[in-house]
Amino acid sequence: MNDLRPDDALKSQLPYEHAEASVPDWLKFLDHTADAGILVQAPNLKELFARAAWGMFFLVTDMDTIQLAERNRIRIEASDPPALMVNWLSELNYRHVTEHRLFGKFAIDEIGEEWLSAEVHGERFDPSRHKIFTEIKAVTFHDLRLERDDQGWKTQIIFDL
């Protein structure tokens, strides 16, 4: 895999809803027809998975409104690291959609080639405090990239909206 840069069809931009928000320098946004995506960088694989989850929820809501009142343990398995990323984010999105949870802190305790164990912190959606900017239908394998270079780890993830 070459360096992790958006394809010509993808361009880096900040979602309109977050015009006033402070975006970490390790997170970039991709605009894709009927979809959205993120580029994430991290010094290690644990941090990459945590940052990817944070980036996904940043697309969904204002992260500053999430209280870290509850914590949940999550264990994910997959056939390889890219599938592990998709399964990880899909599990978090599933809990968001079905249990109306918003997560704002992600700690990967252990990670292997085909599994991860994590603790996530957040709370139930409260319409008086939370605004949902977009709903993610699916975390896709389309243009998925996960790679290591001399500066750490990078991933590109496209979400079906």
C-alpha atoms as a PDB file:
ATOM      1  CA  MET A   1       0.000   0.000   0.000  1.00  0.00           C
ATOM      2  CA  ASN A   2       1.302   3.472  -0.816  1.00  0.00           C
ATOM      3  CA  ASP A   3       1.077   6.383   1.552  1.00  0.00           C
ATOM      4  CA  LEU A   4      -2.360   7.012   2.963  1.00  0.00           C
ATOM      5  CA  ARG A   5      -3.798   9.937   1.053  1.00  0.00           C
ATOM      6  CA  PRO A   6      -7.383  10.415  -0.059  1.00  0.00           C
ATOM      7  CA  ASP A   7      -8.201   9.291  -3.566  1.00  0.00           C
ATOM      8  CA  ASP A   8      -8.895  12.083  -6.061  1.00  0.00           C
ATOM      9  CA  ALA A   9     -12.608  11.454  -5.558  1.00  0.00           C
ATOM     10  CA  LEU A  10     -12.207  12.223  -1.853  1.00  0.00           C
ATOM     11  CA  LYS A  11     -11.356  15.623  -0.480  1.00  0.00           C
ATOM     12  CA  SER A  12     -10.456  16.707   3.008  1.00  0.00           C
ATOM     13  CA  GLN A  13     -13.057  18.926   4.640  1.00  0.00           C
ATOM     14  CA  LEU A  14     -14.614  19.654   7.985  1.00  0.00           C
ATOM     15  CA  PRO A  15     -18.280  18.647   8.229  1.00  0.00           C
ATOM     16  CA  TYR A  16     -20.482  21.740   8.167  1.00  0.00           C
ATOM     17  CA  GLU A  17     -22.008  20.954  11.566  1.00  0.00           C
ATOM     18  CA  HIS A  18     -18.590  21.216  13.182  1.00  0.00           C
ATOM     19  CA  ALA A  19     -17.582  24.589  11.746  1.00  0.00           C
ATOM     20  CA  GLU A  20     -16.831  25.919  15.227  1.00  0.00           C
ATOM     21  CA  ALA A  21     -15.341  22.710  16.635  1.00  0.00           C
ATOM     22  CA  SER A  22     -11.701  22.112  17.356  1.00  0.00           C
ATOM     23  CA  VAL A  23     -10.457  19.174  15.292  1.00  0.00           C
ATOM     24  CA  PRO A  24      -7.369  17.252  16.429  1.00  0.00           C
ATOM     25  CA  ASP A  25      -4.496  17.361  13.942  1.00  0.00           C
ATOM     26  CA  TRP A  26      -4.553  13.551  13.700  1.00  0.00           C
ATOM     27  CA  LEU A  27      -8.060  13.585  12.161  1.00  0.00           C
ATOM     28  CA  LYS A  28      -9.001  14.568   8.600  1.00  0.00           C
ATOM     29  CA  PHE A  29     -12.378  14.309   6.897  1.00  0.00           C
ATOM     30  CA  LEU A  30     -13.172  12.844   3.500  1.00  0.00           C
ATOM     31  CA  ASP A  31     -16.141  13.804   1.398  1.00  0.00           C
ATOM     32  CA  HIS A  32     -17.471  10.949  -0.700  1.00  0.00           C
ATOM     33  CA  THR A  33     -20.658  10.712  -2.728  1.00  0.00           C
ATOM     34  CA  ALA A  34     -23.479   9.749  -0.300  1.00  0.00           C
ATOM     35  CA  ASP A  35     -20.833   8.731   2.227  1.00  0.00           C
ATOM     36  CA  ALA A  36     -18.360  10.289   4.641  1.00  0.00           C
ATOM     37  CA  GLY A  37     -14.913   9.222   5.668  1.00  0.00           C
ATOM     38  CA  ILE A  38     -12.045   9.893   7.993  1.00  0.00           C
ATOM     39  CA  LEU A  39      -8.274   9.670   7.856  1.00  0.00           C
ATOM     40  CA  VAL A  40      -6.722   8.951  11.246  1.00  0.00           C
ATOM     41  CA  GLN A  41      -3.088   8.886  12.366  1.00  0.00           C
ATOM     42  CA  ALA A  42      -1.658   7.524  15.615  1.00  0.00           C
ATOM     43  CA  PRO A  43       1.701   6.497  17.036  1.00  0.00           C
ATOM     44  CA  ASN A  44       0.507   2.939  17.787  1.00  0.00           C
ATOM     45  CA  LEU A  45      -2.271   0.521  16.894  1.00  0.00           C
ATOM     46  CA  LYS A  46      -4.189   0.889  20.185  1.00  0.00           C
ATOM     47  CA  GLU A  47      -4.354   4.651  19.773  1.00  0.00           C
ATOM     48  CA  LEU A  48      -5.329   4.292  16.108  1.00  0.00           C
ATOM     49  CA  PHE A  49      -8.395   2.220  16.998  1.00  0.00           C
ATOM     50  CA  ALA A  50      -9.333   4.606  19.818  1.00  0.00           C
ATOM     51  CA  ARG A  51      -8.945   7.665  17.586  1.00  0.00           C
ATOM     52  CA  ALA A  52     -10.920   6.057  14.753  1.00  0.00           C
ATOM     53  CA  ALA A  53     -13.828   5.510  17.152  1.00  0.00           C
ATOM     54  CA  TRP A  54     -13.594   9.094  18.383  1.00  0.00           C
ATOM     55  CA  GLY A  55     -13.531  10.331  14.783  1.00  0.00           C
ATOM     56  CA  MET A  56     -16.630   8.314  13.924  1.00  0.00           C
ATOM     57  CA  PHE A  57     -18.580   9.764  16.844  1.00  0.00           C
ATOM     58  CA  PHE A  58     -17.304  13.239  15.948  1.00  0.00           C
ATOM     59  CA  LEU A  59     -19.207  12.830  12.667  1.00  0.00           C
ATOM     60  CA  VAL A  60     -22.331  11.824  14.599  1.00  0.00           C
ATOM     61  CA  THR A  61     -22.516  14.451  17.362  1.00  0.00           C
ATOM     62  CA  ASP A  62     -20.813  17.242  19.299  1.00  0.00           C
ATOM     63  CA  MET A  63     -18.229  15.364  21.370  1.00  0.00           C
ATOM     64  CA  ASP A  64     -18.138  18.102  24.015  1.00  0.00           C
ATOM     65  CA  THR A  65     -21.716  17.269  25.050  1.00  0.00           C
ATOM     66  CA  ILE A  66     -21.027  13.614  25.887  1.00  0.00           C
ATOM     67  CA  GLN A  67     -20.671  12.897  29.581  1.00  0.00           C
ATOM     68  CA  LEU A  68     -18.463   9.917  30.408  1.00  0.00           C
ATOM     69  CA  ALA A  69     -20.958   8.641  32.993  1.00  0.00           C
ATOM     70  CA  GLU A  70     -21.077   4.968  31.970  1.00  0.00           C
ATOM     71  CA  ARG A  71     -18.453   2.497  30.909  1.00  0.00           C
ATOM     72  CA  ASN A  72     -18.783  -0.672  28.894  1.00  0.00           C
ATOM     73  CA  ARG A  73     -16.389  -3.509  28.126  1.00  0.00           C
ATOM     74  CA  ILE A  74     -16.174  -4.624  24.514  1.00  0.00           C
ATOM     75  CA  ARG A  75     -14.334  -7.540  22.916  1.00  0.00           C
ATOM     76  CA  ILE A  76     -14.179  -7.797  19.134  1.00  0.00           C
ATOM     77  CA  GLU A  77     -12.838 -10.519  16.850  1.00  0.00           C
ATOM     78  CA  ALA A  78     -12.080 -10.539  13.124  1.00  0.00           C
ATOM     79  CA  SER A  79     -10.013 -12.332  10.507  1.00  0.00           C
ATOM     80  CA  ASP A  80      -7.370  -9.586  10.126  1.00  0.00           C
ATOM     81  CA  PRO A  81      -6.582  -6.021  11.281  1.00  0.00           C
ATOM     82  CA  PRO A  82      -8.664  -4.204   8.597  1.00  0.00           C
ATOM     83  CA  ALA A  83     -11.686  -6.394   9.383  1.00  0.00           C
ATOM     84  CA  LEU A  84     -11.034  -5.784  13.074  1.00  0.00           C
ATOM     85  CA  MET A  85     -11.315  -2.027  12.460  1.00  0.00           C
ATOM     86  CA  VAL A  86     -14.614  -2.467  10.622  1.00  0.00           C
ATOM     87  CA  ASN A  87     -15.999  -4.804  13.308  1.00  0.00           C
ATOM     88  CA  TRP A  88     -14.876  -2.451  16.109  1.00  0.00           C
ATOM     89  CA  LEU A  89     -16.523   0.618  14.618  1.00  0.00           C
ATOM     90  CA  SER A  90     -19.573  -1.396  13.545  1.00  0.00           C
ATOM     91  CA  GLU A  91     -20.081  -2.641  17.111  1.00  0.00           C
ATOM     92  CA  LEU A  92     -19.902   0.905  18.478  1.00  0.00           C
ATOM     93  CA  ASN A  93     -22.292   2.150  15.813  1.00  0.00           C
ATOM     94  CA  TYR A  94     -24.662  -0.767  16.527  1.00  0.00           C
ATOM     95  CA  ARG A  95     -24.755   0.200  20.212  1.00  0.00           C
ATOM     96  CA  HIS A  96     -25.344   3.811  19.237  1.00  0.00           C
ATOM     97  CA  VAL A  97     -28.249   2.975  16.937  1.00  0.00           C
ATOM     98  CA  THR A  98     -29.933   0.197  18.944  1.00  0.00           C
ATOM     99  CA  GLU A  99     -29.187   1.253  22.529  1.00  0.00           C
ATOM    100  CA  HIS A 100     -29.092   5.023  21.859  1.00  0.00           C
ATOM    101  CA  ARG A 101     -25.590   5.337  23.303  1.00  0.00           C
ATOM    102  CA  LEU A 102     -23.036   8.029  22.599  1.00  0.00           C
ATOM    103  CA  PHE A 103     -19.407   7.309  23.404  1.00  0.00           C
ATOM    104  CA  GLY A 104     -16.681   9.878  23.974  1.00  0.00           C
ATOM    105  CA  LYS A 105     -13.723   7.965  25.405  1.00  0.00           C
ATOM    106  CA  PHE A 106     -12.161   4.797  24.037  1.00  0.00           C
ATOM    107  CA  ALA A 107      -9.401   2.813  25.745  1.00  0.00           C
ATOM    108  CA  ILE A 108      -8.028  -0.218  23.921  1.00  0.00           C
ATOM    109  CA  ASP A 109      -6.686  -2.504  26.651  1.00  0.00           C
ATOM    110  CA  GLU A 110      -5.261  -5.229  24.437  1.00  0.00           C
ATOM    111  CA  ILE A 111      -5.088  -5.752  20.701  1.00  0.00           C
ATOM    112  CA  GLY A 112      -3.897  -8.618  18.536  1.00  0.00           C
ATOM    113  CA  GLU A 113      -4.043  -9.412  14.832  1.00  0.00           C
ATOM    114  CA  GLU A 114      -7.590 -10.798  15.145  1.00  0.00           C
ATOM    115  CA  TRP A 115      -9.072  -9.404  18.371  1.00  0.00           C
ATOM    116  CA  LEU A 116      -9.253  -6.425  20.674  1.00  0.00           C
ATOM    117  CA  SER A 117     -10.473  -5.729  24.187  1.00  0.00           C
ATOM    118  CA  ALA A 118     -11.578  -2.219  25.099  1.00  0.00           C
ATOM    119  CA  GLU A 119     -13.383  -0.059  27.590  1.00  0.00           C
ATOM    120  CA  VAL A 120     -15.629   2.699  26.245  1.00  0.00           C
ATOM    121  CA  HIS A 121     -17.172   5.563  28.168  1.00  0.00           C
ATOM    122  CA  GLY A 122     -20.283   7.555  27.368  1.00  0.00           C
ATOM    123  CA  GLU A 123     -23.969   7.854  28.075  1.00  0.00           C
ATOM    124  CA  ARG A 124     -27.468   7.409  26.688  1.00  0.00           C
ATOM    125  CA  PHE A 125     -28.599   9.924  24.080  1.00  0.00           C
ATOM    126  CA  ASP A 126     -30.395  12.867  25.701  1.00  0.00           C
ATOM    127  CA  PRO A 127     -32.270  15.009  23.149  1.00  0.00           C
ATOM    128  CA  SER A 128     -32.139  18.015  25.473  1.00  0.00           C
ATOM    129  CA  ARG A 129     -28.296  17.992  25.371  1.00  0.00           C
ATOM    130  CA  HIS A 130     -27.248  16.081  22.269  1.00  0.00           C
ATOM    131  CA  LYS A 131     -27.671  16.943  18.628  1.00  0.00           C
ATOM    132  CA  ILE A 132     -27.246  14.174  16.064  1.00  0.00           C
ATOM    133  CA  PHE A 133     -25.584  15.562  12.938  1.00  0.00           C
ATOM    134  CA  THR A 134     -25.766  12.377  10.900  1.00  0.00           C
ATOM    135  CA  GLU A 135     -26.522   8.695  11.309  1.00  0.00           C
ATOM    136  CA  ILE A 136     -24.067   6.123  10.065  1.00  0.00           C
ATOM    137  CA  LYS A 137     -25.756   3.200   8.333  1.00  0.00           C
ATOM    138  CA  ALA A 138     -22.621   1.118   7.996  1.00  0.00           C
ATOM    139  CA  VAL A 139     -18.862   1.059   8.357  1.00  0.00           C
ATOM    140  CA  THR A 140     -17.628  -0.114   4.974  1.00  0.00           C
ATOM    141  CA  PHE A 141     -14.681  -1.962   3.480  1.00  0.00           C
ATOM    142  CA  HIS A 142     -14.805   0.439   0.505  1.00  0.00           C
ATOM    143  CA  ASP A 143     -11.396   2.164   0.186  1.00  0.00           C
ATOM    144  CA  LEU A 144     -10.483   0.886   3.662  1.00  0.00           C
ATOM    145  CA  ARG A 145      -6.802   1.328   4.400  1.00  0.00           C
ATOM    146  CA  LEU A 146      -4.830   0.382   7.478  1.00  0.00           C
ATOM    147  CA  GLU A 147      -1.069   0.687   7.380  1.00  0.00           C
ATOM    148  CA  ARG A 148       2.063   1.279   9.376  1.00  0.00           C
ATOM    149  CA  ASP A 149       4.944   3.528   8.376  1.00  0.00           C
ATOM    150  CA  ASP A 150       7.964   5.056  10.099  1.00  0.00           C
ATOM    151  CA  GLN A 151       5.727   7.654  11.815  1.00  0.00           C
ATOM    152  CA  GLY A 152       3.185   5.208  13.238  1.00  0.00           C
ATOM    153  CA  TRP A 153      -0.175   3.981  12.009  1.00  0.00           C
ATOM    154  CA  LYS A 154      -2.747   5.397   9.574  1.00  0.00           C
ATOM    155  CA  THR A 155      -6.225   4.369   8.536  1.00  0.00           C
ATOM    156  CA  GLN A 156      -8.848   5.536   6.088  1.00  0.00           C
ATOM    157  CA  ILE A 157     -12.456   4.574   6.768  1.00  0.00           C
ATOM    158  CA  ILE A 158     -15.554   5.297   4.678  1.00  0.00           C
ATOM    159  CA  PHE A 159     -18.999   5.338   6.316  1.00  0.00           C
ATOM    160  CA  ASP A 160     -22.272   4.748   4.506  1.00  0.00           C
ATOM    161  CA  LEU A 161     -24.657   7.515   5.602  1.00  0.00           C
END
